[in-house]
Amino acid sequence: MQSKNYVLFLSVTAALGGFLFGFDTAVISGAERDIQELWNLSDWSHGLAVAMALYGTVIGALFGGIPADRFGRKASLLWIGVFYLVSALGSALANDVNTFMFFRFLGGLGVGASSVVAPMYISEIAPANRRGQLVALYQFNIVFGILMAYFSNYLIGTANLNEAWRWMLGVEAIPALIYSVLIIKVPKSPRWLIAKKGDFDNAREILSKTDPEGVDAAMKLAIAESKEIKGKVAATALFDPRFRKISFFAFLMAFFNQMSGINAIIYFAPRIFESAGIATEDALLSTIGIGAINLVATMLGLYFIDKLGRRKLMYIGSVGYIISLSLMAYSYFGGAVSNTMLPYFVFIFIASHAIGQGSVIWVFIAEIFPNELRAFGQSLGSFTHWILAALIANVFPFFANSFGAGNIFAFFALMMVLQLLWVAFRMPETKRRSLEEIQKDLQKEHV
């Protein structure tokens, strides 16, 4: 019981980076219109200001594996907290759009690096039979952060505060400070100590606290793996024939995540609701409904991920995506379904995402790579996720105004049909298996 509580504490602490990730990602939805009006931004400039954090996220995801490998997962998590803190304060105090974008970019670096390091750290300390749930805590904290951002935006937005958008962005400094302090208390990753430092004694000591039943087997396999692929530690090893298939799996998981349109809906939710004739205040309130449904469905995903497995959750999510996106597109095309039903279709979409892709993505990517390559592999998946998120957020206002939201949602529905086919025919199952067992089997299957 003591080891379960200890590993839970470590996982929750690392996963708080996900809370800041979610809060930072969603908080802009309450401020974006005021920012556009304040600085008289065009659609393209407005899209750039909203997406600037995402471009920082792309850079953070692309290069986040480097300090995680060189200085360790713990040190990287601490710096991520510092980036969040500085970004929150700087964005809230910005006097012009360029300064605002700089600090939002800095926060994006924290988000991107967090999506690399936090799931990786949790996967490396967690026992195999609980790894899915513990890594999924990161996603749970993301959606909890999104919910708190929407709730905070609603409270601040209805409080008649002067320049309320500054308060919306600045309040993030409080959880950022708490997170940074807590990270100091976590140990280094045992698998990083083995793979990068050859420190078997300290690694065993940490694993004996987090996974006492599996420590001997984990140490044996980790040491054998370390010897087997020693020297293959450059990022280019991801494209070695032995690991190419694994890298492609990570790419596809992240690619399909964004091709669902999840970030377009998260960022522009109030605007989507208003397009259905919902009043501004009610639209803000409806976004809280998005956050609440996201949280509940993520809890279901967290509960079932080690019971049903990753693939079954992806089946459920894919079917839900296709149905909800098709109905959303049909609403905009002026079909028999009234626009007053649009919020409910969005809620179904959010639930489908949370129980499927949302619960699985960070777990799956963190599981499939060998210890020596996990940082680079996590960066590959996160970079793919975030470069697409940035591009979609940047162009969504333009394409929605030019081609109509109906066509955009129809495209997303088509992409989810492709995801369903990938899950059915190619995606491997990884539940209840050690990290070393997973990568050993995946390497056997390389062509």
Protein backbone atom coordinates (compact mmCIF):
# COMPACT_ATOMS: atom_id res chain seq x y z
CA MET A 1 0.00 0.00 0.00
CA GLN A 2 2.87 2.36 0.82
CA SER A 3 4.44 1.83 -2.62
CA LYS A 4 1.05 2.45 -4.30
CA ASN A 5 0.61 5.72 -2.43
CA TYR A 6 4.18 6.77 -3.20
CA VAL A 7 3.97 6.11 -6.94
CA LEU A 8 0.58 7.82 -6.99
CA PHE A 9 2.08 10.92 -5.35
CA LEU A 10 4.93 11.00 -7.90
CA SER A 11 2.54 10.49 -10.81
CA VAL A 12 0.09 13.16 -9.63
CA THR A 13 2.93 15.62 -9.08
CA ALA A 14 4.40 15.08 -12.54
CA ALA A 15 0.89 15.11 -14.03
CA LEU A 16 0.28 18.59 -12.61
CA GLY A 17 2.26 19.71 -15.62
CA GLY A 18 -0.78 18.49 -17.53
CA PHE A 19 -3.05 20.72 -15.44
CA LEU A 20 -0.97 23.73 -16.46
CA PHE A 21 -0.93 22.41 -20.03
CA GLY A 22 -4.75 22.29 -20.10
CA PHE A 23 -5.22 25.59 -18.31
CA ASP A 24 -2.75 27.40 -20.56
CA THR A 25 -4.30 25.87 -23.69
CA ALA A 26 -7.92 26.71 -22.90
CA VAL A 27 -7.62 30.00 -21.02
CA ILE A 28 -7.07 31.89 -24.28
CA SER A 29 -10.66 31.09 -25.36
CA GLY A 30 -12.01 33.64 -22.88
CA ALA A 31 -9.49 36.32 -23.80
CA GLU A 32 -9.08 35.99 -27.57
CA ARG A 33 -11.93 38.31 -28.60
CA ASP A 34 -10.89 41.10 -26.22
CA ILE A 35 -7.33 40.83 -27.50
CA GLN A 36 -8.52 41.08 -31.11
CA GLU A 37 -10.55 44.20 -30.34
CA LEU A 38 -7.89 45.80 -28.10
CA TRP A 39 -5.16 45.63 -30.73
CA ASN A 40 -7.46 45.72 -33.80
CA LEU A 41 -6.16 42.46 -35.23
CA SER A 42 -7.09 41.02 -38.62
CA ASP A 43 -8.27 37.40 -38.88
CA TRP A 44 -4.76 36.23 -39.75
CA SER A 45 -3.09 38.32 -37.02
CA HIS A 46 -5.70 37.20 -34.55
CA GLY A 47 -5.12 33.56 -35.49
CA LEU A 48 -1.37 34.08 -35.07
CA ALA A 49 -1.81 35.63 -31.61
CA VAL A 50 -3.98 32.68 -30.51
CA ALA A 51 -1.65 30.12 -32.10
CA MET A 52 1.61 31.67 -30.85
CA ALA A 53 1.57 29.51 -27.71
CA LEU A 54 1.16 26.51 -29.98
CA TYR A 55 4.19 27.45 -32.05
CA GLY A 56 6.13 27.59 -28.78
CA THR A 57 4.65 24.21 -27.98
CA VAL A 58 5.96 22.85 -31.28
CA ILE A 59 9.50 23.97 -30.42
CA GLY A 60 9.17 22.68 -26.84
CA ALA A 61 7.95 19.32 -28.10
CA LEU A 62 10.64 19.05 -30.77
CA PHE A 63 13.54 19.82 -28.45
CA GLY A 64 12.10 18.80 -25.07
CA GLY A 65 13.68 15.35 -25.30
CA ILE A 66 17.21 16.82 -25.40
CA PRO A 67 17.34 18.29 -21.85
CA ALA A 68 15.26 15.32 -20.63
CA ASP A 69 18.02 13.01 -21.87
CA ARG A 70 20.98 15.15 -20.87
CA PHE A 71 19.89 16.58 -17.52
CA GLY A 72 17.14 14.15 -16.59
CA ARG A 73 13.36 14.11 -16.44
CA LYS A 74 13.18 15.76 -13.01
CA ALA A 75 15.32 18.79 -13.91
CA SER A 76 13.31 19.29 -17.10
CA LEU A 77 10.00 19.16 -15.20
CA LEU A 78 11.24 21.86 -12.83
CA TRP A 79 12.19 24.23 -15.65
CA ILE A 80 8.82 23.61 -17.28
CA GLY A 81 7.16 24.96 -14.12
CA VAL A 82 9.33 28.08 -14.27
CA PHE A 83 8.37 28.68 -17.90
CA TYR A 84 4.66 28.44 -17.04
CA LEU A 85 5.07 30.91 -14.18
CA VAL A 86 6.94 33.55 -16.19
CA SER A 87 4.57 33.16 -19.14
CA ALA A 88 1.44 33.66 -17.05
CA LEU A 89 2.71 36.87 -15.47
CA GLY A 90 4.21 38.25 -18.69
CA SER A 91 1.11 37.57 -20.81
CA ALA A 92 -1.15 39.24 -18.25
CA LEU A 93 1.01 42.37 -18.10
CA ALA A 94 1.70 42.71 -21.85
CA ASN A 95 1.10 46.19 -23.31
CA ASP A 96 1.29 45.28 -26.99
CA VAL A 97 0.57 42.26 -29.15
CA ASN A 98 4.25 41.42 -29.79
CA THR A 99 5.06 41.28 -26.08
CA PHE A 100 1.91 39.24 -25.52
CA MET A 101 2.92 36.76 -28.20
CA PHE A 102 6.44 36.44 -26.78
CA PHE A 103 5.21 35.39 -23.34
CA ARG A 104 2.53 33.13 -24.82
CA PHE A 105 5.31 31.54 -26.87
CA LEU A 106 7.32 30.99 -23.67
CA GLY A 107 4.36 29.26 -22.07
CA GLY A 108 4.03 27.16 -25.19
CA LEU A 109 7.60 25.96 -24.72
CA GLY A 110 6.52 24.71 -21.29
CA VAL A 111 3.45 22.98 -22.71
CA GLY A 112 5.42 21.25 -25.46
CA ALA A 113 8.20 20.08 -23.17
CA SER A 114 5.64 18.94 -20.60
CA SER A 115 3.89 16.75 -23.19
CA VAL A 116 7.25 15.05 -23.77
CA VAL A 117 8.68 14.76 -20.27
CA ALA A 118 5.74 14.22 -17.89
CA PRO A 119 4.18 11.13 -19.55
CA MET A 120 7.67 9.73 -20.07
CA TYR A 121 8.60 10.21 -16.42
CA ILE A 122 5.39 8.60 -15.16
CA SER A 123 5.76 5.63 -17.53
CA GLU A 124 9.30 5.05 -16.26
CA ILE A 125 8.37 4.89 -12.58
CA ALA A 126 5.01 3.08 -12.85
CA PRO A 127 4.41 -0.68 -12.43
CA ALA A 128 3.14 -2.39 -15.60
CA ASN A 129 -0.33 -3.24 -14.23
CA ARG A 130 -1.05 0.40 -13.31
CA ARG A 131 0.95 2.26 -15.94
CA GLY A 132 -2.05 3.07 -18.15
CA GLN A 133 -3.99 4.67 -15.31
CA LEU A 134 -1.00 6.53 -13.90
CA VAL A 135 0.15 7.96 -17.23
CA ALA A 136 -3.48 8.79 -18.04
CA LEU A 137 -3.45 11.00 -14.94
CA TYR A 138 -1.54 13.42 -17.16
CA GLN A 139 -4.50 13.58 -19.55
CA PHE A 140 -6.91 13.80 -16.61
CA ASN A 141 -5.00 16.84 -15.36
CA ILE A 142 -5.08 18.36 -18.84
CA VAL A 143 -8.86 18.22 -18.97
CA PHE A 144 -9.14 19.29 -15.33
CA GLY A 145 -6.98 22.28 -16.24
CA ILE A 146 -9.23 23.00 -19.23
CA LEU A 147 -12.31 22.86 -16.99
CA MET A 148 -10.72 25.17 -14.41
CA ALA A 149 -9.70 27.58 -17.18
CA TYR A 150 -13.26 27.73 -18.51
CA PHE A 151 -14.66 28.10 -15.00
CA SER A 152 -12.10 30.78 -14.14
CA ASN A 153 -12.87 32.61 -17.39
CA TYR A 154 -16.57 32.53 -16.62
CA LEU A 155 -16.12 33.90 -13.09
CA ILE A 156 -13.73 36.62 -14.20
CA GLY A 157 -15.70 37.40 -17.37
CA THR A 158 -18.93 37.97 -15.42
CA ALA A 159 -17.30 39.93 -12.56
CA ASN A 160 -17.15 43.20 -14.53
CA LEU A 161 -13.41 43.54 -13.93
CA ASN A 162 -11.47 46.12 -15.91
CA GLU A 163 -9.41 44.35 -18.60
CA ALA A 164 -10.67 40.99 -17.38
CA TRP A 165 -8.59 39.13 -19.95
CA ARG A 166 -5.42 40.03 -18.02
CA TRP A 167 -6.81 38.36 -14.90
CA MET A 168 -7.83 35.32 -16.93
CA LEU A 169 -4.26 34.80 -18.10
CA GLY A 170 -2.46 35.88 -14.91
CA VAL A 171 -4.21 33.54 -12.49
CA GLU A 172 -2.23 30.63 -13.96
CA ALA A 173 0.81 31.82 -12.01
CA ILE A 174 -0.63 30.33 -8.80
CA PRO A 175 -0.75 26.65 -9.86
CA ALA A 176 2.55 27.12 -11.74
CA LEU A 177 4.29 28.10 -8.51
CA ILE A 178 2.75 25.18 -6.58
CA TYR A 179 3.81 22.73 -9.28
CA SER A 180 7.40 23.99 -9.34
CA VAL A 181 7.75 23.55 -5.57
CA LEU A 182 6.31 20.01 -5.59
CA ILE A 183 8.63 18.82 -8.39
CA ILE A 184 11.60 19.36 -6.09
CA LYS A 185 10.36 16.43 -3.99
CA VAL A 186 10.25 13.78 -6.75
CA PRO A 187 13.20 11.40 -7.45
CA LYS A 188 14.98 10.98 -10.76
CA SER A 189 13.65 8.47 -13.29
CA PRO A 190 15.10 5.00 -12.59
CA ARG A 191 15.15 4.05 -16.26
CA TRP A 192 16.94 7.31 -17.13
CA LEU A 193 19.53 6.48 -14.45
CA ILE A 194 20.10 3.08 -16.08
CA ALA A 195 20.04 4.13 -19.73
CA LYS A 196 21.94 7.41 -19.46
CA LYS A 197 24.02 7.19 -16.28
CA GLY A 198 24.55 3.48 -15.71
CA ASP A 199 23.48 4.07 -12.11
CA PHE A 200 21.91 0.71 -11.32
CA ASP A 201 22.00 1.04 -7.53
CA ASN A 202 19.94 4.23 -7.31
CA ALA A 203 17.62 2.98 -10.04
CA ARG A 204 16.93 -0.19 -8.05
CA GLU A 205 16.34 1.83 -4.89
CA ILE A 206 13.72 4.00 -6.61
CA LEU A 207 12.02 1.05 -8.34
CA SER A 208 11.88 -0.86 -5.06
CA LYS A 209 9.69 1.97 -3.75
CA THR A 210 7.51 2.44 -6.83
CA ASP A 211 7.31 -1.16 -8.12
CA PRO A 212 8.50 -3.56 -5.39
CA GLU A 213 6.90 -6.63 -7.02
CA GLY A 214 8.38 -6.00 -10.46
CA VAL A 215 11.72 -4.44 -9.57
CA ASP A 216 13.86 -7.54 -10.23
CA ALA A 217 12.30 -8.29 -13.62
CA ALA A 218 12.36 -4.62 -14.62
CA MET A 219 16.03 -4.25 -13.68
CA LYS A 220 17.00 -7.40 -15.57
CA LEU A 221 15.20 -6.39 -18.75
CA ALA A 222 16.30 -2.74 -18.55
CA ILE A 223 19.94 -3.71 -18.14
CA ALA A 224 19.73 -6.21 -21.01
CA GLU A 225 18.07 -3.60 -23.24
CA SER A 226 20.70 -1.01 -22.31
CA LYS A 227 23.46 -3.36 -23.46
CA GLU A 228 21.60 -4.50 -26.58
CA ILE A 229 21.06 -1.10 -28.19
CA LYS A 230 23.96 0.79 -26.62
CA GLY A 231 25.16 3.46 -29.01
CA LYS A 232 21.78 3.83 -30.75
CA VAL A 233 20.88 6.94 -28.81
CA ALA A 234 20.76 9.60 -31.53
CA ALA A 235 17.43 10.89 -32.76
CA THR A 236 18.22 9.39 -36.17
CA ALA A 237 17.86 5.94 -34.57
CA LEU A 238 14.10 6.52 -34.69
CA PHE A 239 14.32 5.82 -38.42
CA ASP A 240 16.48 2.72 -38.06
CA PRO A 241 14.64 -0.29 -39.56
CA ARG A 242 14.25 -1.75 -36.05
CA PHE A 243 12.40 1.30 -34.75
CA ARG A 244 10.83 2.78 -37.89
CA LYS A 245 7.51 1.05 -37.37
CA ILE A 246 7.33 2.22 -33.74
CA SER A 247 8.04 5.79 -34.85
CA PHE A 248 5.29 5.57 -37.45
CA PHE A 249 2.82 4.39 -34.80
CA ALA A 250 3.67 7.43 -32.66
CA PHE A 251 3.31 9.73 -35.66
CA LEU A 252 -0.10 8.33 -36.60
CA MET A 253 -1.43 8.49 -33.05
CA ALA A 254 -0.55 12.18 -32.83
CA PHE A 255 -1.65 12.91 -36.40
CA PHE A 256 -5.13 11.49 -35.93
CA ASN A 257 -5.48 13.22 -32.56
CA GLN A 258 -5.31 16.62 -34.22
CA MET A 259 -7.20 15.61 -37.36
CA SER A 260 -10.25 15.14 -35.13
CA GLY A 261 -10.41 18.94 -34.80
CA ILE A 262 -10.19 18.82 -31.00
CA ASN A 263 -8.07 21.94 -30.60
CA ALA A 264 -10.10 23.99 -33.05
CA ILE A 265 -13.17 23.26 -30.93
CA ILE A 266 -11.39 23.82 -27.59
CA TYR A 267 -9.94 27.19 -28.64
CA PHE A 268 -12.97 28.57 -30.44
CA ALA A 269 -15.78 26.94 -28.43
CA PRO A 270 -17.51 30.22 -27.41
CA ARG A 271 -17.47 31.40 -31.02
CA ILE A 272 -18.87 28.08 -32.28
CA PHE A 273 -21.71 28.25 -29.77
CA GLU A 274 -22.46 31.86 -30.65
CA SER A 275 -22.70 30.87 -34.32
CA ALA A 276 -25.66 28.71 -33.23
CA GLY A 277 -27.41 31.79 -31.83
CA ILE A 278 -26.41 31.30 -28.19
CA ALA A 279 -25.84 34.50 -26.18
CA THR A 280 -22.25 35.37 -25.23
CA GLU A 281 -22.69 34.74 -21.50
CA ASP A 282 -24.49 31.45 -22.17
CA ALA A 283 -21.75 30.49 -24.64
CA LEU A 284 -19.12 30.96 -21.92
CA LEU A 285 -21.27 28.89 -19.58
CA SER A 286 -21.59 26.17 -22.24
CA THR A 287 -17.82 25.90 -22.42
CA ILE A 288 -17.89 24.90 -18.75
CA GLY A 289 -20.18 22.07 -19.87
CA ILE A 290 -17.47 21.04 -22.33
CA GLY A 291 -14.93 20.99 -19.53
CA ALA A 292 -17.19 18.99 -17.20
CA ILE A 293 -18.01 16.35 -19.83
CA ASN A 294 -14.34 16.17 -20.78
CA LEU A 295 -13.44 15.51 -17.14
CA VAL A 296 -16.08 12.82 -16.54
CA ALA A 297 -15.33 10.97 -19.78
CA THR A 298 -11.59 11.13 -19.07
CA MET A 299 -12.23 9.56 -15.67
CA LEU A 300 -14.03 6.72 -17.45
CA GLY A 301 -11.10 6.36 -19.84
CA LEU A 302 -8.67 6.34 -16.93
CA TYR A 303 -10.72 3.62 -15.21
CA PHE A 304 -10.98 1.38 -18.29
CA ILE A 305 -7.58 1.86 -19.95
CA ASP A 306 -5.90 -0.97 -18.01
CA LYS A 307 -9.05 -3.11 -18.05
CA LEU A 308 -10.29 -2.91 -21.64
CA GLY A 309 -6.97 -1.86 -23.15
CA ARG A 310 -5.86 0.96 -25.42
CA ARG A 311 -7.38 -0.36 -28.68
CA LYS A 312 -10.94 -0.80 -27.37
CA LEU A 313 -10.98 2.76 -26.05
CA MET A 314 -9.79 3.94 -29.46
CA TYR A 315 -12.63 1.99 -31.12
CA ILE A 316 -15.19 3.69 -28.86
CA GLY A 317 -13.70 7.13 -29.42
CA SER A 318 -13.42 6.74 -33.18
CA VAL A 319 -17.07 5.78 -33.63
CA GLY A 320 -18.16 8.64 -31.36
CA TYR A 321 -16.02 11.08 -33.35
CA ILE A 322 -17.56 10.02 -36.66
CA ILE A 323 -21.14 10.32 -35.41
CA SER A 324 -20.72 13.67 -33.61
CA LEU A 325 -18.65 15.37 -36.31
CA SER A 326 -21.10 14.26 -39.00
CA LEU A 327 -24.00 15.71 -37.02
CA MET A 328 -22.09 18.97 -36.44
CA ALA A 329 -21.40 19.26 -40.17
CA TYR A 330 -25.04 18.45 -40.96
CA SER A 331 -26.18 21.25 -38.62
CA TYR A 332 -24.07 23.81 -40.46
CA PHE A 333 -25.26 22.55 -43.84
CA GLY A 334 -28.79 23.48 -42.77
CA GLY A 335 -30.09 19.95 -42.44
CA ALA A 336 -33.15 18.85 -40.55
CA VAL A 337 -31.17 18.95 -37.32
CA SER A 338 -31.57 22.39 -35.77
CA ASN A 339 -28.55 24.50 -34.79
CA THR A 340 -29.93 24.51 -31.25
CA MET A 341 -28.71 20.91 -31.06
CA LEU A 342 -25.14 21.94 -31.93
CA PRO A 343 -23.91 22.21 -28.32
CA TYR A 344 -25.08 18.64 -27.65
CA PHE A 345 -23.19 17.37 -30.70
CA VAL A 346 -20.10 19.17 -29.40
CA PHE A 347 -20.59 17.50 -26.02
CA ILE A 348 -20.75 14.05 -27.69
CA PHE A 349 -17.59 14.91 -29.61
CA ILE A 350 -15.77 15.94 -26.44
CA ALA A 351 -16.84 12.76 -24.61
CA SER A 352 -15.67 10.63 -27.54
CA HIS A 353 -12.30 12.35 -27.55
CA ALA A 354 -11.82 12.10 -23.79
CA ILE A 355 -12.55 8.38 -23.49
CA GLY A 356 -10.62 7.51 -26.66
CA GLN A 357 -7.74 9.53 -28.09
CA GLY A 358 -7.51 11.82 -25.08
CA SER A 359 -6.96 8.95 -22.64
CA VAL A 360 -4.74 6.86 -24.90
CA ILE A 361 -2.37 9.19 -26.78
CA TRP A 362 0.17 10.05 -24.09
CA VAL A 363 0.06 6.55 -22.61
CA PHE A 364 0.59 4.81 -25.95
CA ILE A 365 3.44 7.04 -27.16
CA ALA A 366 5.23 6.79 -23.80
CA GLU A 367 5.01 2.97 -23.86
CA ILE A 368 6.17 1.90 -27.29
CA PHE A 369 9.76 3.19 -27.42
CA PRO A 370 12.82 1.54 -25.79
CA ASN A 371 14.29 3.33 -22.77
CA GLU A 372 17.26 4.81 -24.65
CA LEU A 373 15.01 6.28 -27.35
CA ARG A 374 11.95 7.20 -25.31
CA ALA A 375 12.81 10.90 -25.03
CA PHE A 376 13.34 11.23 -28.79
CA GLY A 377 10.26 9.12 -29.54
CA GLN A 378 8.11 11.16 -27.19
CA SER A 379 9.40 14.32 -28.89
CA LEU A 380 8.45 12.90 -32.30
CA GLY A 381 4.89 12.19 -31.19
CA SER A 382 4.50 15.46 -29.33
CA PHE A 383 6.02 17.50 -32.17
CA THR A 384 3.61 15.93 -34.68
CA HIS A 385 0.70 16.62 -32.31
CA TRP A 386 1.62 20.25 -31.73
CA ILE A 387 2.70 21.35 -35.19
CA LEU A 388 -0.70 20.23 -36.46
CA ALA A 389 -2.45 21.85 -33.48
CA ALA A 390 -0.71 25.15 -34.21
CA LEU A 391 -1.55 25.08 -37.90
CA ILE A 392 -5.19 24.15 -37.32
CA ALA A 393 -5.68 26.85 -34.67
CA ASN A 394 -4.00 29.40 -36.92
CA VAL A 395 -6.08 28.68 -40.03
CA PHE A 396 -9.41 27.65 -38.47
CA PRO A 397 -10.93 31.20 -38.35
CA PHE A 398 -9.92 31.83 -41.96
CA PHE A 399 -11.13 28.48 -43.34
CA ALA A 400 -14.34 28.52 -41.29
CA ASN A 401 -15.17 32.00 -42.67
CA SER A 402 -14.10 31.11 -46.21
CA PHE A 403 -15.48 27.60 -46.66
CA GLY A 404 -17.99 27.29 -43.84
CA ALA A 405 -17.72 25.34 -40.59
CA GLY A 406 -19.81 22.51 -42.06
CA ASN A 407 -17.14 21.61 -44.60
CA ILE A 408 -14.43 21.74 -41.94
CA PHE A 409 -16.29 19.36 -39.62
CA ALA A 410 -17.08 17.02 -42.53
CA PHE A 411 -13.35 16.84 -43.28
CA PHE A 412 -12.59 16.01 -39.64
CA ALA A 413 -15.24 13.23 -39.75
CA LEU A 414 -13.58 11.71 -42.82
CA MET A 415 -10.20 11.68 -41.07
CA MET A 416 -11.73 9.82 -38.14
CA VAL A 417 -12.92 7.10 -40.50
CA LEU A 418 -9.26 6.63 -41.45
CA GLN A 419 -8.32 6.50 -37.76
CA LEU A 420 -10.89 3.75 -37.18
CA LEU A 421 -9.33 1.70 -39.98
CA TRP A 422 -5.83 2.14 -38.50
CA VAL A 423 -7.01 1.03 -35.07
CA ALA A 424 -8.77 -2.00 -36.55
CA PHE A 425 -5.88 -3.25 -38.66
CA ARG A 426 -2.55 -1.91 -37.37
CA MET A 427 -2.55 -0.54 -33.80
CA PRO A 428 -0.89 -2.88 -31.24
CA GLU A 429 -2.20 -3.49 -27.71
CA THR A 430 0.15 -2.59 -24.83
CA LYS A 431 -1.88 -3.03 -21.65
CA ARG A 432 -0.38 -4.75 -18.58
CA ARG A 433 3.05 -5.35 -20.14
CA SER A 434 6.41 -3.98 -19.03
CA LEU A 435 7.99 -1.28 -21.18
CA GLU A 436 10.83 -3.62 -22.06
CA GLU A 437 8.45 -6.42 -23.12
CA ILE A 438 6.52 -4.06 -25.38
CA GLN A 439 9.52 -2.73 -27.23
CA LYS A 440 11.04 -6.22 -27.57
CA ASP A 441 7.92 -7.52 -29.34
CA LEU A 442 7.57 -4.45 -31.53
CA GLN A 443 11.18 -4.75 -32.69
CA LYS A 444 10.58 -8.41 -33.60
CA GLU A 445 7.85 -7.30 -35.98
CA HIS A 446 9.96 -4.80 -37.92
CA VAL A 447 10.17 -5.29 -41.63
